[in-house]
Amino acid sequence: ECKPMVSGERRGDLANLYRLLKPISGAQQVLLEEVQAHIKQAGMEAIAGIKGENMHIDFVENMLKVHKKYKDLIQDVFQGDQAFIGALDRACTAVINHRQPK
């Protein structure tokens, strides 16, 4: 049920869901995984098709935009919860370390 909320970045719904799940031990895991997968997908889309001489600069700038966007979302929606900050870091790491199959 949380997948459409995450993919649509529905902040109000996500904040309500977070408040409901926070007191329940282990209940946030699915939400965490969805958020991490969504951020990774956004990162992959941001770097897809980067070409040219300034490829390295565009890569860094695009990743910084993705990181800032979702860090702000996590601060607003999930009250800066460290578990969600960790999901952001893992998603960005996965994008940065991604290698195209040859």
Protein backbone atom coordinates (compact mmCIF):
# COMPACT_ATOMS: atom_id res chain seq x y z
CA GLU A 1 0.00 0.00 0.00
CA CYS A 2 2.89 2.38 0.62
CA LYS A 3 4.40 1.95 -2.86
CA PRO A 4 2.04 4.44 -4.60
CA MET A 5 2.60 6.92 -1.76
CA VAL A 6 6.36 6.67 -2.16
CA SER A 7 6.38 6.72 -5.97
CA GLY A 8 4.01 9.70 -5.97
CA GLU A 9 6.03 11.36 -3.21
CA ARG A 10 2.81 12.13 -1.37
CA ARG A 11 4.35 13.88 1.62
CA GLY A 12 1.17 14.21 3.70
CA ASP A 13 0.23 10.56 3.32
CA LEU A 14 3.80 9.43 3.98
CA ALA A 15 4.05 11.57 7.11
CA ASN A 16 0.80 10.09 8.44
CA LEU A 17 1.94 6.56 7.63
CA TYR A 18 5.28 7.20 9.33
CA ARG A 19 3.57 8.46 12.49
CA LEU A 20 1.37 5.36 12.55
CA LEU A 21 4.24 2.90 12.02
CA LYS A 22 6.94 4.54 14.16
CA PRO A 23 5.80 3.18 17.55
CA ILE A 24 5.49 -0.40 16.22
CA SER A 25 8.75 -2.31 16.29
CA GLY A 26 9.82 -3.44 12.81
CA ALA A 27 6.74 -1.99 11.10
CA GLN A 28 8.72 0.63 9.16
CA GLN A 29 10.87 -1.90 7.29
CA VAL A 30 8.67 -2.12 4.17
CA LEU A 31 8.39 1.67 4.03
CA LEU A 32 12.16 2.00 4.41
CA GLU A 33 12.78 -0.47 1.60
CA GLU A 34 10.31 1.31 -0.70
CA VAL A 35 11.88 4.71 0.01
CA GLN A 36 15.37 3.32 -0.62
CA ALA A 37 14.29 1.69 -3.91
CA HIS A 38 12.55 4.89 -5.02
CA ILE A 39 15.62 7.02 -4.31
CA LYS A 40 17.86 4.54 -6.13
CA GLN A 41 15.53 4.61 -9.15
CA ALA A 42 15.51 8.43 -9.14
CA GLY A 43 19.31 8.42 -8.98
CA MET A 44 19.62 5.97 -11.86
CA GLU A 45 17.28 8.12 -13.95
CA ALA A 46 19.28 11.24 -13.06
CA ILE A 47 22.54 9.78 -14.37
CA ALA A 48 21.10 7.89 -17.35
CA GLY A 49 22.21 9.26 -20.66
CA ILE A 50 25.01 11.46 -19.32
CA LYS A 51 27.58 11.81 -22.09
CA GLY A 52 30.25 14.17 -23.30
CA GLU A 53 33.30 15.93 -21.99
CA ASN A 54 31.64 17.15 -18.80
CA MET A 55 30.23 13.74 -17.93
CA HIS A 56 31.94 13.61 -14.53
CA ILE A 57 30.70 17.10 -13.59
CA ASP A 58 27.13 16.31 -14.71
CA PHE A 59 27.23 13.03 -12.76
CA VAL A 60 28.24 14.76 -9.52
CA GLU A 61 25.78 17.63 -9.96
CA ASN A 62 22.87 15.28 -10.73
CA MET A 63 23.67 13.07 -7.75
CA LEU A 64 23.89 16.11 -5.47
CA LYS A 65 20.45 17.25 -6.69
CA VAL A 66 18.97 13.81 -5.97
CA HIS A 67 20.61 13.67 -2.54
CA LYS A 68 19.39 17.15 -1.58
CA LYS A 69 15.85 16.51 -2.82
CA TYR A 70 15.45 13.32 -0.82
CA LYS A 71 17.32 14.57 2.24
CA ASP A 72 14.81 17.44 2.38
CA LEU A 73 11.94 14.97 1.93
CA ILE A 74 13.28 12.81 4.77
CA GLN A 75 13.65 15.85 7.04
CA ASP A 76 10.09 17.00 6.32
CA VAL A 77 8.23 13.71 6.14
CA PHE A 78 10.20 11.34 8.38
CA GLN A 79 11.45 13.92 10.89
CA GLY A 80 15.07 13.24 9.94
CA ASP A 81 14.82 9.64 11.18
CA GLN A 82 18.30 8.09 10.99
CA ALA A 83 16.94 4.88 9.46
CA PHE A 84 15.68 6.88 6.48
CA ILE A 85 18.93 8.87 6.25
CA GLY A 86 20.69 5.49 6.11
CA ALA A 87 18.35 4.38 3.31
CA LEU A 88 19.22 7.58 1.41
CA ASP A 89 22.93 6.89 1.84
CA ARG A 90 22.57 3.25 0.73
CA ALA A 91 20.53 4.24 -2.33
CA CYS A 92 23.06 6.90 -3.39
CA THR A 93 25.94 4.49 -2.80
CA ALA A 94 24.23 1.90 -5.01
CA VAL A 95 23.84 4.46 -7.82
CA ILE A 96 27.41 5.72 -7.51
CA ASN A 97 28.86 2.19 -7.53
CA HIS A 98 26.57 0.94 -10.32
CA ARG A 99 28.38 -0.52 -13.34
CA GLN A 100 26.73 -1.08 -16.70
CA PRO A 101 26.98 -4.72 -17.79
CA LYS A 102 29.33 -5.17 -20.75
